[in-house]
């Protein structure tokens, strides 16, 4: 199993995994930053790692992995 599952747009390594309903929340809306999109059921998470130190710096739920 690979240590990381991909990269974000800035080149930081990420791990994305699916899981059953871990809650609800909001996702940024690129078209209108003042109106985030509500998601009733999040089914995954994403952890971001600094590309130089490989230390994790963010973990949050996502709609799906």
N, C-alpha and C. Protein backbone atom coordinates (compact mmCIF):
# COMPACT_ATOMS: atom_id res chain seq x y z
N UNK A 1 0.85 -1.18 0.00
CA UNK A 1 0.00 0.00 0.00
C UNK A 1 0.90 1.24 0.00
N UNK A 2 0.66 2.19 -0.91
CA UNK A 2 1.48 3.39 -0.95
C UNK A 2 1.25 4.26 0.28
N UNK A 3 2.30 4.94 0.67
CA UNK A 3 2.21 5.81 1.86
C UNK A 3 1.26 6.97 1.62
N UNK A 4 1.30 7.55 0.41
CA UNK A 4 0.44 8.68 0.06
C UNK A 4 -0.43 8.29 -1.13
N UNK A 5 -1.60 8.90 -1.23
CA UNK A 5 -2.50 8.55 -2.33
C UNK A 5 -2.54 9.61 -3.43
N UNK A 6 -1.83 10.72 -3.25
CA UNK A 6 -1.81 11.75 -4.28
C UNK A 6 -1.18 13.03 -3.80
N UNK A 7 -1.43 14.10 -4.56
CA UNK A 7 -0.91 15.44 -4.25
C UNK A 7 -2.03 16.45 -4.40
N UNK A 8 -1.94 17.56 -3.65
CA UNK A 8 -2.88 18.66 -3.85
C UNK A 8 -2.33 19.59 -4.93
N UNK A 9 -3.02 20.66 -5.22
CA UNK A 9 -2.60 21.54 -6.32
C UNK A 9 -1.30 22.28 -6.03
N UNK A 10 -0.87 22.31 -4.75
CA UNK A 10 0.38 22.98 -4.39
C UNK A 10 1.55 22.01 -4.27
N UNK A 11 1.30 20.74 -4.56
CA UNK A 11 2.37 19.75 -4.50
C UNK A 11 2.53 19.07 -3.15
N UNK A 12 1.67 19.40 -2.18
CA UNK A 12 1.72 18.72 -0.89
C UNK A 12 1.16 17.32 -1.05
N UNK A 13 1.80 16.35 -0.41
CA UNK A 13 1.33 14.98 -0.47
C UNK A 13 0.07 14.83 0.37
N UNK A 14 -0.84 13.97 -0.07
CA UNK A 14 -2.10 13.75 0.64
C UNK A 14 -2.40 12.27 0.76
N UNK A 15 -3.20 11.96 1.76
CA UNK A 15 -3.79 10.63 1.92
C UNK A 15 -5.29 10.85 1.94
N UNK A 16 -6.00 10.25 1.00
CA UNK A 16 -7.46 10.31 0.94
C UNK A 16 -7.98 8.90 1.16
N UNK A 17 -8.96 8.78 2.05
CA UNK A 17 -9.53 7.45 2.32
C UNK A 17 -11.04 7.56 2.45
N UNK A 18 -11.72 6.52 1.97
CA UNK A 18 -13.16 6.43 2.12
C UNK A 18 -13.49 5.83 3.48
N UNK A 19 -14.60 6.25 4.04
CA UNK A 19 -15.12 5.69 5.27
C UNK A 19 -16.62 5.97 5.30
N UNK A 20 -17.35 5.29 6.13
CA UNK A 20 -18.78 5.54 6.21
C UNK A 20 -19.05 6.86 6.90
N UNK A 21 -20.22 7.38 6.68
CA UNK A 21 -20.66 8.68 7.18
C UNK A 21 -19.92 9.14 8.43
N UNK A 22 -19.03 10.12 8.26
CA UNK A 22 -18.26 10.64 9.39
C UNK A 22 -18.77 12.00 9.83
N UNK A 23 -19.90 12.41 9.31
CA UNK A 23 -20.48 13.67 9.75
C UNK A 23 -20.98 14.50 8.59
N UNK A 24 -21.18 15.76 8.89
CA UNK A 24 -21.67 16.71 7.89
C UNK A 24 -20.79 17.95 7.95
N UNK A 25 -20.90 18.78 6.94
CA UNK A 25 -20.08 19.98 6.95
C UNK A 25 -20.22 20.78 5.67
N UNK A 26 -19.31 21.71 5.50
CA UNK A 26 -19.32 22.61 4.36
C UNK A 26 -18.05 22.43 3.55
N UNK A 27 -18.18 22.64 2.25
CA UNK A 27 -17.06 22.58 1.33
C UNK A 27 -16.97 23.93 0.62
N UNK A 28 -15.77 24.45 0.39
CA UNK A 28 -15.65 25.74 -0.29
C UNK A 28 -16.34 25.74 -1.66
N UNK A 29 -16.90 26.86 -2.00
CA UNK A 29 -17.56 27.05 -3.29
C UNK A 29 -16.67 27.98 -4.12
N UNK A 30 -15.92 27.45 -5.09
CA UNK A 30 -15.02 28.29 -5.88
C UNK A 30 -15.74 29.41 -6.62
N UNK A 31 -16.99 29.19 -7.00
CA UNK A 31 -17.74 30.21 -7.73
C UNK A 31 -18.15 31.37 -6.83
N UNK A 32 -18.39 31.09 -5.54
CA UNK A 32 -18.80 32.13 -4.60
C UNK A 32 -18.27 31.78 -3.21
N UNK A 33 -17.07 32.26 -2.87
CA UNK A 33 -16.45 31.92 -1.59
C UNK A 33 -17.30 32.27 -0.36
N UNK A 34 -18.22 33.21 -0.50
CA UNK A 34 -19.06 33.58 0.64
C UNK A 34 -20.27 32.66 0.81
N UNK A 35 -20.42 31.69 -0.08
CA UNK A 35 -21.55 30.76 -0.02
C UNK A 35 -21.06 29.31 -0.14
N UNK A 36 -20.49 28.76 0.97
CA UNK A 36 -19.98 27.39 0.89
C UNK A 36 -21.10 26.38 0.67
N UNK A 37 -20.75 25.24 0.12
CA UNK A 37 -21.72 24.19 -0.20
C UNK A 37 -21.89 23.28 1.00
N UNK A 38 -23.15 23.09 1.46
CA UNK A 38 -23.45 22.21 2.59
C UNK A 38 -23.50 20.76 2.12
N UNK A 39 -22.86 19.87 2.85
CA UNK A 39 -22.85 18.45 2.53
C UNK A 39 -23.37 17.71 3.76
N UNK A 40 -24.51 17.02 3.59
CA UNK A 40 -25.17 16.35 4.72
C UNK A 40 -24.46 15.08 5.15
N UNK A 41 -23.70 14.45 4.25
CA UNK A 41 -23.04 13.20 4.60
C UNK A 41 -21.64 13.15 4.00
N UNK A 42 -20.65 13.28 4.85
CA UNK A 42 -19.26 13.18 4.41
C UNK A 42 -18.84 11.72 4.49
N UNK A 43 -18.19 11.22 3.45
CA UNK A 43 -17.83 9.80 3.37
C UNK A 43 -16.35 9.56 3.11
N UNK A 44 -15.51 10.44 3.63
CA UNK A 44 -14.09 10.26 3.47
C UNK A 44 -13.33 11.32 4.25
N UNK A 45 -12.01 11.20 4.25
CA UNK A 45 -11.19 12.23 4.87
C UNK A 45 -9.93 12.42 4.05
N UNK A 46 -9.29 13.56 4.27
CA UNK A 46 -8.05 13.88 3.58
C UNK A 46 -7.07 14.45 4.60
N UNK A 47 -5.86 13.91 4.59
CA UNK A 47 -4.80 14.45 5.43
C UNK A 47 -3.72 14.97 4.50
N UNK A 48 -3.26 16.21 4.75
CA UNK A 48 -2.21 16.81 3.93
C UNK A 48 -0.90 16.81 4.69
N UNK A 49 0.19 16.62 3.93
CA UNK A 49 1.53 16.58 4.49
C UNK A 49 2.38 17.63 3.80
N UNK A 50 3.25 18.29 4.55
CA UNK A 50 4.18 19.25 3.98
C UNK A 50 5.11 18.52 3.02
N UNK A 51 5.32 19.07 1.84
CA UNK A 51 6.11 18.37 0.82
C UNK A 51 7.60 18.31 1.15
N UNK A 52 8.08 19.18 2.04
CA UNK A 52 9.51 19.15 2.40
C UNK A 52 9.79 18.28 3.62
N UNK A 53 8.96 18.44 4.66
CA UNK A 53 9.21 17.73 5.93
C UNK A 53 8.42 16.44 6.05
N UNK A 54 7.39 16.27 5.22
CA UNK A 54 6.48 15.13 5.27
C UNK A 54 5.70 15.05 6.59
N UNK A 55 5.63 16.16 7.32
CA UNK A 55 4.83 16.21 8.55
C UNK A 55 3.40 16.57 8.20
N UNK A 56 2.40 15.91 8.84
CA UNK A 56 1.01 16.25 8.55
C UNK A 56 0.68 17.65 9.07
N UNK A 57 -0.16 18.38 8.32
CA UNK A 57 -0.53 19.72 8.77
C UNK A 57 -2.03 19.98 8.65
N UNK A 58 -2.79 19.08 8.07
CA UNK A 58 -4.24 19.27 7.99
C UNK A 58 -4.93 17.92 7.86
N UNK A 59 -6.06 17.79 8.55
CA UNK A 59 -6.90 16.60 8.44
C UNK A 59 -8.34 17.08 8.49
N UNK A 60 -9.13 16.71 7.50
CA UNK A 60 -10.53 17.14 7.48
C UNK A 60 -11.39 16.18 6.68
N UNK A 61 -12.71 16.18 6.98
CA UNK A 61 -13.62 15.31 6.24
C UNK A 61 -13.85 15.85 4.83
N UNK A 62 -14.15 14.94 3.90
CA UNK A 62 -14.47 15.32 2.53
C UNK A 62 -15.71 14.54 2.08
N UNK A 63 -16.36 15.02 1.03
CA UNK A 63 -17.59 14.37 0.57
C UNK A 63 -17.35 12.92 0.19
N UNK A 64 -16.34 12.67 -0.63
CA UNK A 64 -15.95 11.30 -0.96
C UNK A 64 -14.51 11.29 -1.42
N UNK A 65 -13.84 10.18 -1.17
CA UNK A 65 -12.42 10.07 -1.49
C UNK A 65 -12.22 9.67 -2.94
